[in-house]
Amino acid sequence: MALLDNLIDAVVSKVAGDQANVISQFLKDNGGVSGLAEKFQNGGAGEVFSSWVGTGDNKAIAADAMSRILGSAQVQKIAQSLGLDTNQAADLMAQFLPQVIDKLTPDAKVEPNPEAQLPIA
């Protein structure tokens, strides 16, 4: 997983600059791209997320939709990490997350989360 974590960190750093550490941790905490794909699908925004993975234009997402999909606790955690209010954090995620997901999926595929496939001991 260290290689995947390093890749996520490098891509996020290139896209998000100063916010890279927070967004990288957010991705890791949510099961990477595949975990987020599931969250967006369950939140009714699977088509939007798919546009970020695909090779076409990335569809925009409103900050309030981002908050609804991620959940208020997750947005609050991001806000605290960045020293922002929750509205600013949701705006930031709506701005950067589409770009990050786009860069993390150059083959227009969401790879399954390897941790999700480990047998429970």
PDB file of N, CA and C in Angstrom:
ATOM      1  N   MET A   1       0.800  -1.195   0.000  1.00  0.00           N
ATOM      2  CA  MET A   1       0.000   0.000   0.000  1.00  0.00           C
ATOM      3  C   MET A   1       0.848   1.266   0.000  1.00  0.00           C
ATOM      4  N   ALA A   2       2.110   1.150   0.399  1.00  0.00           N
ATOM      5  CA  ALA A   2       2.968   2.340   0.442  1.00  0.00           C
ATOM      6  C   ALA A   2       3.124   2.955  -0.943  1.00  0.00           C
ATOM      7  N   LEU A   3       3.229   2.120  -1.963  1.00  0.00           N
ATOM      8  CA  LEU A   3       3.363   2.633  -3.325  1.00  0.00           C
ATOM      9  C   LEU A   3       2.105   3.405  -3.729  1.00  0.00           C
ATOM     10  N   LEU A   4       0.945   2.854  -3.426  1.00  0.00           N
ATOM     11  CA  LEU A   4      -0.310   3.534  -3.740  1.00  0.00           C
ATOM     12  C   LEU A   4      -0.420   4.843  -2.966  1.00  0.00           C
ATOM     13  N   ASP A   5      -0.056   4.821  -1.696  1.00  0.00           N
ATOM     14  CA  ASP A   5      -0.093   6.044  -0.888  1.00  0.00           C
ATOM     15  C   ASP A   5       0.836   7.102  -1.465  1.00  0.00           C
ATOM     16  N   ASN A   6       2.017   6.706  -1.896  1.00  0.00           N
ATOM     17  CA  ASN A   6       2.965   7.649  -2.494  1.00  0.00           C
ATOM     18  C   ASN A   6       2.421   8.229  -3.793  1.00  0.00           C
ATOM     19  N   LEU A   7       1.771   7.401  -4.584  1.00  0.00           N
ATOM     20  CA  LEU A   7       1.174   7.868  -5.835  1.00  0.00           C
ATOM     21  C   LEU A   7       0.070   8.882  -5.546  1.00  0.00           C
ATOM     22  N   ILE A   8      -0.797   8.551  -4.611  1.00  0.00           N
ATOM     23  CA  ILE A   8      -1.871   9.477  -4.235  1.00  0.00           C
ATOM     24  C   ILE A   8      -1.277  10.800  -3.769  1.00  0.00           C
ATOM     25  N   ASP A   9      -0.280  10.731  -2.889  1.00  0.00           N
ATOM     26  CA  ASP A   9       0.346  11.954  -2.371  1.00  0.00           C
ATOM     27  C   ASP A   9       0.936  12.801  -3.489  1.00  0.00           C
ATOM     28  N   ALA A  10       1.616  12.172  -4.443  1.00  0.00           N
ATOM     29  CA  ALA A  10       2.249  12.908  -5.538  1.00  0.00           C
ATOM     30  C   ALA A  10       1.212  13.588  -6.433  1.00  0.00           C
ATOM     31  N   VAL A  11       0.171  12.855  -6.782  1.00  0.00           N
ATOM     32  CA  VAL A  11      -0.872  13.415  -7.654  1.00  0.00           C
ATOM     33  C   VAL A  11      -1.604  14.547  -6.953  1.00  0.00           C
ATOM     34  N   VAL A  12      -1.984  14.317  -5.720  1.00  0.00           N
ATOM     35  CA  VAL A  12      -2.731  15.342  -4.989  1.00  0.00           C
ATOM     36  C   VAL A  12      -1.881  16.585  -4.796  1.00  0.00           C
ATOM     37  N   SER A  13      -0.613  16.409  -4.510  1.00  0.00           N
ATOM     38  CA  SER A  13       0.284  17.544  -4.327  1.00  0.00           C
ATOM     39  C   SER A  13       0.357  18.398  -5.592  1.00  0.00           C
ATOM     40  N   LYS A  14       0.405  17.733  -6.724  1.00  0.00           N
ATOM     41  CA  LYS A  14       0.480  18.454  -8.000  1.00  0.00           C
ATOM     42  C   LYS A  14      -0.799  19.247  -8.265  1.00  0.00           C
ATOM     43  N   VAL A  15      -1.935  18.685  -7.915  1.00  0.00           N
ATOM     44  CA  VAL A  15      -3.219  19.327  -8.192  1.00  0.00           C
ATOM     45  C   VAL A  15      -3.604  20.325  -7.107  1.00  0.00           C
ATOM     46  N   ALA A  16      -3.431  19.943  -5.846  1.00  0.00           N
ATOM     47  CA  ALA A  16      -4.002  20.722  -4.753  1.00  0.00           C
ATOM     48  C   ALA A  16      -3.013  21.589  -3.991  1.00  0.00           C
ATOM     49  N   GLY A  17      -1.743  21.500  -4.271  1.00  0.00           N
ATOM     50  CA  GLY A  17      -0.761  22.364  -3.635  1.00  0.00           C
ATOM     51  C   GLY A  17      -0.776  22.310  -2.124  1.00  0.00           C
ATOM     52  N   ASP A  18      -1.068  23.445  -1.488  1.00  0.00           N
ATOM     53  CA  ASP A  18      -1.018  23.565  -0.033  1.00  0.00           C
ATOM     54  C   ASP A  18      -1.999  22.641   0.687  1.00  0.00           C
ATOM     55  N   GLN A  19      -3.062  22.267   0.043  1.00  0.00           N
ATOM     56  CA  GLN A  19      -4.071  21.418   0.668  1.00  0.00           C
ATOM     57  C   GLN A  19      -3.804  19.929   0.451  1.00  0.00           C
ATOM     58  N   ALA A  20      -2.676  19.595  -0.129  1.00  0.00           N
ATOM     59  CA  ALA A  20      -2.383  18.218  -0.523  1.00  0.00           C
ATOM     60  C   ALA A  20      -2.453  17.226   0.626  1.00  0.00           C
ATOM     61  N   ASN A  21      -1.871  17.555   1.766  1.00  0.00           N
ATOM     62  CA  ASN A  21      -1.856  16.597   2.873  1.00  0.00           C
ATOM     63  C   ASN A  21      -3.256  16.243   3.332  1.00  0.00           C
ATOM     64  N   VAL A  22      -4.111  17.235   3.438  1.00  0.00           N
ATOM     65  CA  VAL A  22      -5.477  17.004   3.908  1.00  0.00           C
ATOM     66  C   VAL A  22      -6.252  16.170   2.891  1.00  0.00           C
ATOM     67  N   ILE A  23      -6.126  16.498   1.622  1.00  0.00           N
ATOM     68  CA  ILE A  23      -6.870  15.770   0.594  1.00  0.00           C
ATOM     69  C   ILE A  23      -6.328  14.351   0.440  1.00  0.00           C
ATOM     70  N   SER A  24      -5.022  14.169   0.545  1.00  0.00           N
ATOM     71  CA  SER A  24      -4.447  12.815   0.499  1.00  0.00           C
ATOM     72  C   SER A  24      -4.990  11.962   1.635  1.00  0.00           C
ATOM     73  N   GLN A  25      -5.007  12.524   2.831  1.00  0.00           N
ATOM     74  CA  GLN A  25      -5.520  11.781   3.980  1.00  0.00           C
ATOM     75  C   GLN A  25      -7.001  11.478   3.808  1.00  0.00           C
ATOM     76  N   PHE A  26      -7.736  12.431   3.281  1.00  0.00           N
ATOM     77  CA  PHE A  26      -9.155  12.222   3.011  1.00  0.00           C
ATOM     78  C   PHE A  26      -9.354  11.025   2.076  1.00  0.00           C
ATOM     79  N   LEU A  27      -8.569  10.964   1.001  1.00  0.00           N
ATOM     80  CA  LEU A  27      -8.677   9.844   0.059  1.00  0.00           C
ATOM     81  C   LEU A  27      -8.381   8.518   0.749  1.00  0.00           C
ATOM     82  N   LYS A  28      -7.326   8.491   1.528  1.00  0.00           N
ATOM     83  CA  LYS A  28      -6.947   7.260   2.225  1.00  0.00           C
ATOM     84  C   LYS A  28      -8.025   6.848   3.226  1.00  0.00           C
ATOM     85  N   ASP A  29      -8.571   7.810   3.952  1.00  0.00           N
ATOM     86  CA  ASP A  29      -9.602   7.524   4.957  1.00  0.00           C
ATOM     87  C   ASP A  29     -10.890   6.998   4.336  1.00  0.00           C
ATOM     88  N   ASN A  30     -11.115   7.306   3.071  1.00  0.00           N
ATOM     89  CA  ASN A  30     -12.355   6.916   2.405  1.00  0.00           C
ATOM     90  C   ASN A  30     -12.190   5.773   1.410  1.00  0.00           C
ATOM     91  N   GLY A  31     -11.127   5.016   1.540  1.00  0.00           N
ATOM     92  CA  GLY A  31     -10.955   3.840   0.680  1.00  0.00           C
ATOM     93  C   GLY A  31     -10.446   4.150  -0.707  1.00  0.00           C
ATOM     94  N   GLY A  32      -9.787   5.281  -0.875  1.00  0.00           N
ATOM     95  CA  GLY A  32      -9.226   5.641  -2.173  1.00  0.00           C
ATOM     96  C   GLY A  32     -10.314   5.940  -3.187  1.00  0.00           C
ATOM     97  N   VAL A  33      -9.952   5.825  -4.445  1.00  0.00           N
ATOM     98  CA  VAL A  33     -10.879   6.150  -5.529  1.00  0.00           C
ATOM     99  C   VAL A  33     -12.092   5.227  -5.511  1.00  0.00           C
ATOM    100  N   SER A  34     -11.875   3.940  -5.273  1.00  0.00           N
ATOM    101  CA  SER A  34     -13.011   3.008  -5.293  1.00  0.00           C
ATOM    102  C   SER A  34     -13.974   3.266  -4.141  1.00  0.00           C
ATOM    103  N   GLY A  35     -13.451   3.615  -2.985  1.00  0.00           N
ATOM    104  CA  GLY A  35     -14.315   3.938  -1.850  1.00  0.00           C
ATOM    105  C   GLY A  35     -15.144   5.180  -2.110  1.00  0.00           C
ATOM    106  N   LEU A  36     -14.517   6.185  -2.704  1.00  0.00           N
ATOM    107  CA  LEU A  36     -15.255   7.402  -3.035  1.00  0.00           C
ATOM    108  C   LEU A  36     -16.276   7.157  -4.144  1.00  0.00           C
ATOM    109  N   ALA A  37     -15.919   6.314  -5.101  1.00  0.00           N
ATOM    110  CA  ALA A  37     -16.866   5.990  -6.177  1.00  0.00           C
ATOM    111  C   ALA A  37     -18.140   5.407  -5.577  1.00  0.00           C
ATOM    112  N   GLU A  38     -17.988   4.541  -4.599  1.00  0.00           N
ATOM    113  CA  GLU A  38     -19.150   3.940  -3.950  1.00  0.00           C
ATOM    114  C   GLU A  38     -19.970   4.993  -3.191  1.00  0.00           C
ATOM    115  N   LYS A  39     -19.284   5.890  -2.479  1.00  0.00           N
ATOM    116  CA  LYS A  39     -19.982   6.951  -1.752  1.00  0.00           C
ATOM    117  C   LYS A  39     -20.794   7.831  -2.697  1.00  0.00           C
ATOM    118  N   PHE A  40     -20.190   8.197  -3.818  1.00  0.00           N
ATOM    119  CA  PHE A  40     -20.889   9.064  -4.764  1.00  0.00           C
ATOM    120  C   PHE A  40     -22.044   8.324  -5.430  1.00  0.00           C
ATOM    121  N   GLN A  41     -21.853   7.056  -5.724  1.00  0.00           N
ATOM    122  CA  GLN A  41     -22.937   6.255  -6.301  1.00  0.00           C
ATOM    123  C   GLN A  41     -24.103   6.183  -5.317  1.00  0.00           C
ATOM    124  N   ASN A  42     -23.793   5.880  -4.073  1.00  0.00           N
ATOM    125  CA  ASN A  42     -24.841   5.789  -3.046  1.00  0.00           C
ATOM    126  C   ASN A  42     -25.493   7.141  -2.773  1.00  0.00           C
ATOM    127  N   GLY A  43     -24.751   8.222  -2.999  1.00  0.00           N
ATOM    128  CA  GLY A  43     -25.275   9.567  -2.773  1.00  0.00           C
ATOM    129  C   GLY A  43     -26.001  10.156  -3.964  1.00  0.00           C
ATOM    130  N   GLY A  44     -26.176   9.371  -5.023  1.00  0.00           N
ATOM    131  CA  GLY A  44     -26.914   9.840  -6.189  1.00  0.00           C
ATOM    132  C   GLY A  44     -26.092  10.665  -7.166  1.00  0.00           C
ATOM    133  N   ALA A  45     -24.763  10.643  -7.013  1.00  0.00           N
ATOM    134  CA  ALA A  45     -23.903  11.421  -7.905  1.00  0.00           C
ATOM    135  C   ALA A  45     -22.900  10.529  -8.632  1.00  0.00           C
ATOM    136  N   GLY A  46     -23.302   9.302  -8.883  1.00  0.00           N
ATOM    137  CA  GLY A  46     -22.418   8.368  -9.577  1.00  0.00           C
ATOM    138  C   GLY A  46     -22.030   8.843 -10.965  1.00  0.00           C
ATOM    139  N   GLU A  47     -22.959   9.478 -11.661  1.00  0.00           N
ATOM    140  CA  GLU A  47     -22.685   9.978 -13.012  1.00  0.00           C
ATOM    141  C   GLU A  47     -21.633  11.091 -12.990  1.00  0.00           C
ATOM    142  N   VAL A  48     -21.727  11.953 -11.990  1.00  0.00           N
ATOM    143  CA  VAL A  48     -20.744  13.029 -11.843  1.00  0.00           C
ATOM    144  C   VAL A  48     -19.365  12.433 -11.573  1.00  0.00           C
ATOM    145  N   PHE A  49     -19.299  11.500 -10.632  1.00  0.00           N
ATOM    146  CA  PHE A  49     -18.021  10.864 -10.300  1.00  0.00           C
ATOM    147  C   PHE A  49     -17.453  10.144 -11.526  1.00  0.00           C
ATOM    148  N   SER A  50     -18.305   9.460 -12.273  1.00  0.00           N
ATOM    149  CA  SER A  50     -17.857   8.758 -13.482  1.00  0.00           C
ATOM    150  C   SER A  50     -17.239   9.714 -14.489  1.00  0.00           C
ATOM    151  N   SER A  51     -17.741  10.949 -14.546  1.00  0.00           N
ATOM    152  CA  SER A  51     -17.159  11.919 -15.477  1.00  0.00           C
ATOM    153  C   SER A  51     -15.736  12.282 -15.061  1.00  0.00           C
ATOM    154  N   TRP A  52     -15.454  12.246 -13.768  1.00  0.00           N
ATOM    155  CA  TRP A  52     -14.106  12.546 -13.288  1.00  0.00           C
ATOM    156  C   TRP A  52     -13.151  11.424 -13.633  1.00  0.00           C
ATOM    157  N   VAL A  53     -13.666  10.207 -13.647  1.00  0.00           N
ATOM    158  CA  VAL A  53     -12.852   9.030 -13.973  1.00  0.00           C
ATOM    159  C   VAL A  53     -12.661   8.923 -15.485  1.00  0.00           C
ATOM    160  N   GLY A  54     -13.679   9.246 -16.240  1.00  0.00           N
ATOM    161  CA  GLY A  54     -13.649   9.102 -17.694  1.00  0.00           C
ATOM    162  C   GLY A  54     -12.690  10.063 -18.371  1.00  0.00           C
ATOM    163  N   THR A  55     -12.643   9.966 -19.681  1.00  0.00           N
ATOM    164  CA  THR A  55     -11.687  10.764 -20.456  1.00  0.00           C
ATOM    165  C   THR A  55     -12.254  12.085 -20.953  1.00  0.00           C
ATOM    166  N   GLY A  56     -13.544  12.307 -20.756  1.00  0.00           N
ATOM    167  CA  GLY A  56     -14.156  13.570 -21.187  1.00  0.00           C
ATOM    168  C   GLY A  56     -14.005  14.654 -20.138  1.00  0.00           C
ATOM    169  N   ASP A  57     -14.829  15.681 -20.284  1.00  0.00           N
ATOM    170  CA  ASP A  57     -14.815  16.788 -19.330  1.00  0.00           C
ATOM    171  C   ASP A  57     -15.320  16.333 -17.969  1.00  0.00           C
ATOM    172  N   ASN A  58     -14.763  16.920 -16.919  1.00  0.00           N
ATOM    173  CA  ASN A  58     -15.206  16.642 -15.560  1.00  0.00           C
ATOM    174  C   ASN A  58     -16.437  17.487 -15.259  1.00  0.00           C
ATOM    175  N   LYS A  59     -17.516  16.832 -14.842  1.00  0.00           N
ATOM    176  CA  LYS A  59     -18.712  17.564 -14.442  1.00  0.00           C
ATOM    177  C   LYS A  59     -18.448  18.243 -13.105  1.00  0.00           C
ATOM    178  N   ALA A  60     -18.982  19.432 -12.963  1.00  0.00           N
ATOM    179  CA  ALA A  60     -18.845  20.176 -11.712  1.00  0.00           C
ATOM    180  C   ALA A  60     -19.795  19.600 -10.666  1.00  0.00           C
ATOM    181  N   ILE A  61     -19.443  19.835  -9.427  1.00  0.00           N
ATOM    182  CA  ILE A  61     -20.320  19.456  -8.330  1.00  0.00           C
ATOM    183  C   ILE A  61     -20.420  20.643  -7.387  1.00  0.00           C
ATOM    184  N   ALA A  62     -21.607  20.900  -6.921  1.00  0.00           N
ATOM    185  CA  ALA A  62     -21.828  22.011  -5.993  1.00  0.00           C
ATOM    186  C   ALA A  62     -21.308  21.646  -4.610  1.00  0.00           C
ATOM    187  N   ALA A  63     -20.902  22.648  -3.874  1.00  0.00           N
ATOM    188  CA  ALA A  63     -20.373  22.425  -2.527  1.00  0.00           C
ATOM    189  C   ALA A  63     -21.421  21.771  -1.625  1.00  0.00           C
ATOM    190  N   ASP A  64     -22.681  22.153  -1.759  1.00  0.00           N
ATOM    191  CA  ASP A  64     -23.704  21.553  -0.899  1.00  0.00           C
ATOM    192  C   ASP A  64     -23.920  20.081  -1.233  1.00  0.00           C
ATOM    193  N   ALA A  65     -23.794  19.718  -2.501  1.00  0.00           N
ATOM    194  CA  ALA A  65     -23.884  18.306  -2.890  1.00  0.00           C
ATOM    195  C   ALA A  65     -22.688  17.535  -2.348  1.00  0.00           C
ATOM    196  N   MET A  66     -21.519  18.153  -2.390  1.00  0.00           N
ATOM    197  CA  MET A  66     -20.320  17.528  -1.841  1.00  0.00           C
ATOM    198  C   MET A  66     -20.517  17.254  -0.350  1.00  0.00           C
ATOM    199  N   SER A  67     -21.049  18.231   0.367  1.00  0.00           N
ATOM    200  CA  SER A  67     -21.297  18.063   1.799  1.00  0.00           C
ATOM    201  C   SER A  67     -22.297  16.942   2.075  1.00  0.00           C
ATOM    202  N   ARG A  68     -23.335  16.888   1.276  1.00  0.00           N
ATOM    203  CA  ARG A  68     -24.360  15.857   1.456  1.00  0.00           C
ATOM    204  C   ARG A  68     -23.782  14.465   1.228  1.00  0.00           C
ATOM    205  N   ILE A  69     -22.985  14.317   0.192  1.00  0.00           N
ATOM    206  CA  ILE A  69     -22.426  13.012  -0.162  1.00  0.00           C
ATOM    207  C   ILE A  69     -21.360  12.570   0.843  1.00  0.00           C
ATOM    208  N   LEU A  70     -20.486  13.480   1.202  1.00  0.00           N
ATOM    209  CA  LEU A  70     -19.395  13.130   2.116  1.00  0.00           C
ATOM    210  C   LEU A  70     -19.863  13.027   3.562  1.00  0.00           C
ATOM    211  N   GLY A  71     -20.883  13.776   3.894  1.00  0.00           N
ATOM    212  CA  GLY A  71     -21.382  13.800   5.262  1.00  0.00           C
ATOM    213  C   GLY A  71     -20.788  14.966   6.033  1.00  0.00           C
ATOM    214  N   SER A  72     -21.582  15.508   6.928  1.00  0.00           N
ATOM    215  CA  SER A  72     -21.156  16.699   7.655  1.00  0.00           C
ATOM    216  C   SER A  72     -19.936  16.445   8.533  1.00  0.00           C
ATOM    217  N   ALA A  73     -19.829  15.260   9.112  1.00  0.00           N
ATOM    218  CA  ALA A  73     -18.669  14.957   9.961  1.00  0.00           C
ATOM    219  C   ALA A  73     -17.380  14.961   9.147  1.00  0.00           C
ATOM    220  N   GLN A  74     -17.426  14.409   7.937  1.00  0.00           N
ATOM    221  CA  GLN A  74     -16.243  14.367   7.083  1.00  0.00           C
ATOM    222  C   GLN A  74     -15.838  15.775   6.651  1.00  0.00           C
ATOM    223  N   VAL A  75     -16.797  16.590   6.281  1.00  0.00           N
ATOM    224  CA  VAL A  75     -16.507  17.962   5.861  1.00  0.00           C
ATOM    225  C   VAL A  75     -15.978  18.770   7.046  1.00  0.00           C
ATOM    226  N   GLN A  76     -16.552  18.546   8.218  1.00  0.00           N
ATOM    227  CA  GLN A  76     -16.075  19.235   9.419  1.00  0.00           C
ATOM    228  C   GLN A  76     -14.628  18.859   9.718  1.00  0.00           C
ATOM    229  N   LYS A  77     -14.283  17.604   9.559  1.00  0.00           N
ATOM    230  CA  LYS A  77     -12.906  17.138   9.785  1.00  0.00           C
ATOM    231  C   LYS A  77     -11.940  17.832   8.821  1.00  0.00           C
ATOM    232  N   ILE A  78     -12.323  17.917   7.563  1.00  0.00           N
ATOM    233  CA  ILE A  78     -11.499  18.596   6.559  1.00  0.00           C
ATOM    234  C   ILE A  78     -11.361  20.078   6.913  1.00  0.00           C
ATOM    235  N   ALA A  79     -12.480  20.687   7.290  1.00  0.00           N
ATOM    236  CA  ALA A  79     -12.476  22.108   7.649  1.00  0.00           C
ATOM    237  C   ALA A  79     -11.527  22.371   8.816  1.00  0.00           C
ATOM    238  N   GLN A  80     -11.592  21.554   9.840  1.00  0.00           N
ATOM    239  CA  GLN A  80     -10.711  21.722  10.999  1.00  0.00           C
ATOM    240  C   GLN A  80      -9.251  21.548  10.606  1.00  0.00           C
ATOM    241  N   SER A  81      -8.979  20.575   9.756  1.00  0.00           N
ATOM    242  CA  SER A  81      -7.596  20.333   9.317  1.00  0.00           C
ATOM    243  C   SER A  81      -7.021  21.520   8.560  1.00  0.00           C
ATOM    244  N   LEU A  82      -7.879  22.236   7.837  1.00  0.00           N
ATOM    245  CA  LEU A  82      -7.426  23.356   7.019  1.00  0.00           C
ATOM    246  C   LEU A  82      -7.628  24.720   7.680  1.00  0.00           C
ATOM    247  N   GLY A  83      -8.284  24.727   8.832  1.00  0.00           N
ATOM    248  CA  GLY A  83      -8.554  25.992   9.496  1.00  0.00           C
ATOM    249  C   GLY A  83      -9.600  26.821   8.764  1.00  0.00           C
ATOM    250  N   LEU A  84     -10.575  26.147   8.180  1.00  0.00           N
ATOM    251  CA  LEU A  84     -11.638  26.798   7.411  1.00  0.00           C
ATOM    252  C   LEU A  84     -12.980  26.507   8.051  1.00  0.00           C
ATOM    253  N   ASP A  85     -14.009  27.230   7.604  1.00  0.00           N
ATOM    254  CA  ASP A  85     -15.348  26.831   8.025  1.00  0.00           C
ATOM    255  C   ASP A  85     -15.825  25.727   7.078  1.00  0.00           C
ATOM    256  N   THR A  86     -16.933  25.087   7.431  1.00  0.00           N
ATOM    257  CA  THR A  86     -17.375  23.933   6.650  1.00  0.00           C
ATOM    258  C   THR A  86     -17.773  24.296   5.223  1.00  0.00           C
ATOM    259  N   ASN A  87     -18.331  25.489   5.015  1.00  0.00           N
ATOM    260  CA  ASN A  87     -18.684  25.900   3.659  1.00  0.00           C
ATOM    261  C   ASN A  87     -17.446  26.062   2.788  1.00  0.00           C
ATOM    262  N   GLN A  88     -16.395  26.648   3.352  1.00  0.00           N
ATOM    263  CA  GLN A  88     -15.144  26.816   2.604  1.00  0.00           C
ATOM    264  C   GLN A  88     -14.524  25.453   2.291  1.00  0.00           C
ATOM    265  N   ALA A  89     -14.581  24.533   3.254  1.00  0.00           N
ATOM    266  CA  ALA A  89     -14.017  23.197   3.033  1.00  0.00           C
ATOM    267  C   ALA A  89     -14.776  22.464   1.926  1.00  0.00           C
ATOM    268  N   ALA A  90     -16.098  22.560   1.942  1.00  0.00           N
ATOM    269  CA  ALA A  90     -16.898  21.922   0.887  1.00  0.00           C
ATOM    270  C   ALA A  90     -16.593  22.538  -0.471  1.00  0.00           C
ATOM    271  N   ASP A  91     -16.431  23.863  -0.515  1.00  0.00           N
ATOM    272  CA  ASP A  91     -16.044  24.533  -1.764  1.00  0.00           C
ATOM    273  C   ASP A  91     -14.698  24.018  -2.264  1.00  0.00           C
ATOM    274  N   LEU A  92     -13.758  23.897  -1.343  1.00  0.00           N
ATOM    275  CA  LEU A  92     -12.420  23.417  -1.697  1.00  0.00           C
ATOM    276  C   LEU A  92     -12.480  21.995  -2.265  1.00  0.00           C
ATOM    277  N   MET A  93     -13.235  21.134  -1.616  1.00  0.00           N
ATOM    278  CA  MET A  93     -13.363  19.755  -2.099  1.00  0.00           C
ATOM    279  C   MET A  93     -14.056  19.716  -3.460  1.00  0.00           C
ATOM    280  N   ALA A  94     -15.071  20.560  -3.644  1.00  0.00           N
ATOM    281  CA  ALA A  94     -15.761  20.611  -4.939  1.00  0.00           C
ATOM    282  C   ALA A  94     -14.831  21.103  -6.038  1.00  0.00           C
ATOM    283  N   GLN A  95     -13.882  21.932  -5.684  1.00  0.00           N
ATOM    284  CA  GLN A  95     -12.925  22.456  -6.656  1.00  0.00           C
ATOM    285  C   GLN A  95     -11.842  21.437  -6.996  1.00  0.00           C
ATOM    286  N   PHE A  96     -11.255  20.813  -5.970  1.00  0.00           N
ATOM    287  CA  PHE A  96     -10.076  19.970  -6.199  1.00  0.00           C
ATOM    288  C   PHE A  96     -10.366  18.490  -6.417  1.00  0.00           C
ATOM    289  N   LEU A  97     -11.390  17.944  -5.773  1.00  0.00           N
ATOM    290  CA  LEU A  97     -11.618  16.502  -5.879  1.00  0.00           C
ATOM    291  C   LEU A  97     -11.826  16.020  -7.315  1.00  0.00           C
ATOM    292  N   PRO A  98     -12.596  16.724  -8.150  1.00  0.00           N
ATOM    293  CA  PRO A  98     -12.722  16.254  -9.539  1.00  0.00           C
ATOM    294  C   PRO A  98     -11.375  16.160 -10.262  1.00  0.00           C
ATOM    295  N   GLN A  99     -10.503  17.125 -10.034  1.00  0.00           N
ATOM    296  CA  GLN A  99      -9.190  17.119 -10.676  1.00  0.00           C
ATOM    297  C   GLN A  99      -8.322  15.977 -10.155  1.00  0.00           C
ATOM    298  N   VAL A 100      -8.371  15.765  -8.849  1.00  0.00           N
ATOM    299  CA  VAL A 100      -7.566  14.698  -8.241  1.00  0.00           C
ATOM    300  C   VAL A 100      -8.009  13.335  -8.757  1.00  0.00           C
ATOM    301  N   ILE A 101      -9.315  13.086  -8.751  1.00  0.00           N
ATOM    302  CA  ILE A 101      -9.829  11.796  -9.231  1.00  0.00           C
ATOM    303  C   ILE A 101      -9.474  11.609 -10.702  1.00  0.00           C
ATOM    304  N   ASP A 102      -9.597  12.666 -11.488  1.00  0.00           N
ATOM    305  CA  ASP A 102      -9.250  12.605 -12.909  1.00  0.00           C
ATOM    306  C   ASP A 102      -7.791  12.164 -13.093  1.00  0.00           C
ATOM    307  N   LYS A 103      -6.900  12.755 -12.320  1.00  0.00           N
ATOM    308  CA  LYS A 103      -5.468  12.434 -12.442  1.00  0.00           C
ATOM    309  C   LYS A 103      -5.127  11.051 -11.902  1.00  0.00           C
ATOM    310  N   LEU A 104      -5.884  10.584 -10.909  1.00  0.00           N
ATOM    311  CA  LEU A 104      -5.624   9.261 -10.330  1.00  0.00           C
ATOM    312  C   LEU A 104      -6.186   8.121 -11.178  1.00  0.00           C
ATOM    313  N   THR A 105      -6.957   8.452 -12.208  1.00  0.00           N
ATOM    314  CA  THR A 105      -7.573   7.417 -13.058  1.00  0.00           C
ATOM    315  C   THR A 105      -7.238   7.657 -14.532  1.00  0.00           C
ATOM    316  N   PRO A 106      -5.962   7.643 -14.892  1.00  0.00           N
ATOM    317  CA  PRO A 106      -5.588   7.950 -16.277  1.00  0.00           C
ATOM    318  C   PRO A 106      -6.107   6.936 -17.297  1.00  0.00           C
ATOM    319  N   ASP A 107      -6.403   5.715 -16.852  1.00  0.00           N
ATOM    320  CA  ASP A 107      -6.926   4.699 -17.762  1.00  0.00           C
ATOM    321  C   ASP A 107      -8.446   4.657 -17.774  1.00  0.00           C
ATOM    322  N   ALA A 108      -9.059   5.681 -17.147  1.00  0.00           N
ATOM    323  CA  ALA A 108     -10.517   5.805 -17.082  1.00  0.00           C
ATOM    324  C   ALA A 108     -11.162   4.586 -16.414  1.00  0.00           C
ATOM    325  N   LYS A 109     -10.471   4.042 -15.407  1.00  0.00           N
ATOM    326  CA  LYS A 109     -10.993   2.902 -14.653  1.00  0.00           C
ATOM    327  C   LYS A 109     -10.774   3.142 -13.167  1.00  0.00           C
ATOM    328  N   VAL A 110     -11.726   2.674 -12.396  1.00  0.00           N
ATOM    329  CA  VAL A 110     -11.582   2.685 -10.938  1.00  0.00           C
ATOM    330  C   VAL A 110     -11.101   1.299 -10.547  1.00  0.00           C
ATOM    331  N   GLU A 111      -9.913   1.259  -9.996  1.00  0.00           N
ATOM    332  CA  GLU A 111      -9.364  -0.019  -9.545  1.00  0.00           C
ATOM    333  C   GLU A 111      -9.995  -0.357  -8.205  1.00  0.00           C
ATOM    334  N   PRO A 112     -10.287  -1.630  -7.983  1.00  0.00           N
ATOM    335  CA  PRO A 112     -10.876  -2.001  -6.695  1.00  0.00           C
ATOM    336  C   PRO A 112      -9.911  -1.735  -5.560  1.00  0.00           C
ATOM    337  N   ASN A 113     -10.459  -1.449  -4.407  1.00  0.00           N
ATOM    338  CA  ASN A 113      -9.657  -1.214  -3.221  1.00  0.00           C
ATOM    339  C   ASN A 113      -9.121  -2.565  -2.739  1.00  0.00           C
ATOM    340  N   PRO A 114      -7.792  -2.770  -2.775  1.00  0.00           N
ATOM    341  CA  PRO A 114      -7.243  -4.075  -2.381  1.00  0.00           C
ATOM    342  C   PRO A 114      -7.562  -4.425  -0.934  1.00  0.00           C
ATOM    343  N   GLU A 115      -7.658  -3.445  -0.063  1.00  0.00           N
ATOM    344  CA  GLU A 115      -7.955  -3.735   1.336  1.00  0.00           C
ATOM    345  C   GLU A 115      -9.369  -4.277   1.494  1.00  0.00           C
ATOM    346  N   ALA A 116     -10.266  -3.862   0.621  1.00  0.00           N
ATOM    347  CA  ALA A 116     -11.650  -4.312   0.717  1.00  0.00           C
ATOM    348  C   ALA A 116     -11.776  -5.797   0.359  1.00  0.00           C
ATOM    349  N   GLN A 117     -10.769  -6.344  -0.301  1.00  0.00           N
ATOM    350  CA  GLN A 117     -10.831  -7.724  -0.740  1.00  0.00           C
ATOM    351  C   GLN A 117     -10.101  -8.688   0.196  1.00  0.00           C
ATOM    352  N   LEU A 118      -9.490  -8.154   1.257  1.00  0.00           N
ATOM    353  CA  LEU A 118      -8.793  -9.027   2.181  1.00  0.00           C
ATOM    354  C   LEU A 118      -9.781  -9.834   2.994  1.00  0.00           C
ATOM    355  N   PRO A 119      -9.491 -11.131   3.174  1.00  0.00           N
ATOM    356  CA  PRO A 119     -10.404 -11.926   3.982  1.00  0.00           C
ATOM    357  C   PRO A 119     -10.331 -11.495   5.447  1.00  0.00           C
ATOM    358  N   ILE A 120     -11.433 -11.601   6.116  1.00  0.00           N
ATOM    359  CA  ILE A 120     -11.479 -11.256   7.537  1.00  0.00           C
ATOM    360  C   ILE A 120     -10.993 -12.442   8.327  1.00  0.00           C
ATOM    361  N   ALA A 121      -9.992 -12.199   9.169  1.00  0.00           N
ATOM    362  CA  ALA A 121      -9.419 -13.308   9.950  1.00  0.00           C
ATOM    363  C   ALA A 121     -10.216 -13.565  11.196  1.00  0.00           C
TER     364      ALA A 121
END
